[in-house]
């Protein structure tokens, strides 16, 4: 995971790769790809292949899909 400190906003943004995010939620990388494609989780693309997920924003977006919690 990559941690970026934003001094102006006094917050930390934690970025994860698709694999790290998949491991965090115990799903496959393909599931994370499907969430990205469906627009369920926000992500940032750096270049052609590099995708990073802002963990806090993505977790908040996935709260809408929790069942039985």
Protein backbone atom coordinates (compact mmCIF):
# COMPACT_ATOMS: atom_id res chain seq x y z
CA UNK A 1 0.00 0.00 0.00
CA UNK A 2 1.09 3.52 -0.70
CA UNK A 3 0.41 6.30 1.81
CA UNK A 4 0.35 9.89 0.59
CA UNK A 5 0.08 12.72 3.10
CA UNK A 6 -1.73 15.82 1.90
CA UNK A 7 -0.46 18.72 4.00
CA UNK A 8 -3.09 21.18 2.76
CA UNK A 9 -5.95 18.86 3.71
CA UNK A 10 -4.25 17.28 6.73
CA UNK A 11 -5.33 13.80 5.71
CA UNK A 12 -3.72 10.63 4.48
CA UNK A 13 -4.71 8.96 1.26
CA UNK A 14 -3.96 5.26 1.21
CA UNK A 15 -3.66 3.77 -2.27
CA UNK A 16 -3.84 0.04 -3.00
CA UNK A 17 -3.19 -2.03 -6.07
CA UNK A 18 -5.96 -4.22 -7.42
CA UNK A 19 -4.34 -7.27 -5.80
CA UNK A 20 -3.95 -5.56 -2.41
CA UNK A 21 -7.57 -4.42 -2.50
CA UNK A 22 -8.75 -7.90 -3.53
CA UNK A 23 -6.79 -9.48 -0.66
CA UNK A 24 -8.23 -6.92 1.77
CA UNK A 25 -11.80 -7.93 0.87
CA UNK A 26 -11.05 -11.63 0.24
CA UNK A 27 -12.22 -11.55 -3.37
CA UNK A 28 -10.47 -12.21 -6.66
CA UNK A 29 -8.72 -9.58 -8.72
CA UNK A 30 -11.33 -10.21 -11.41
CA UNK A 31 -14.06 -9.19 -8.94
CA UNK A 32 -12.22 -5.93 -8.27
CA UNK A 33 -11.94 -5.43 -12.05
CA UNK A 34 -15.69 -5.96 -12.34
CA UNK A 35 -16.35 -3.40 -9.58
CA UNK A 36 -14.13 -0.90 -11.40
CA UNK A 37 -15.81 -1.57 -14.75
CA UNK A 38 -19.28 -1.21 -13.20
CA UNK A 39 -18.28 2.05 -11.53
CA UNK A 40 -18.89 0.62 -8.06
CA UNK A 41 -15.53 1.77 -6.70
CA UNK A 42 -13.50 4.86 -7.58
CA UNK A 43 -9.97 4.43 -8.87
CA UNK A 44 -7.15 6.43 -10.37
CA UNK A 45 -5.24 5.47 -13.47
CA UNK A 46 -1.59 6.45 -13.82
CA UNK A 47 -0.45 5.72 -17.33
CA UNK A 48 -1.85 2.94 -19.44
CA UNK A 49 -1.60 0.02 -17.04
CA UNK A 50 -1.14 1.38 -13.53
CA UNK A 51 -4.37 1.50 -11.52
CA UNK A 52 -4.54 2.56 -7.89
CA UNK A 53 -7.58 2.46 -5.64
CA UNK A 54 -8.08 5.06 -2.89
CA UNK A 55 -8.97 2.68 -0.08
CA UNK A 56 -11.15 4.98 2.05
CA UNK A 57 -13.25 6.13 -0.92
CA UNK A 58 -13.65 2.62 -2.31
CA UNK A 59 -14.62 1.18 1.09
CA UNK A 60 -17.22 3.89 1.52
CA UNK A 61 -18.60 3.17 -1.97
CA UNK A 62 -18.88 -0.55 -1.17
CA UNK A 63 -20.90 0.09 2.01
CA UNK A 64 -24.01 0.31 -0.17
CA UNK A 65 -23.55 -3.34 -1.15
CA UNK A 66 -23.29 -4.82 2.37
CA UNK A 67 -25.98 -7.40 2.96
CA UNK A 68 -27.01 -8.70 6.35
CA UNK A 69 -24.77 -6.39 8.34
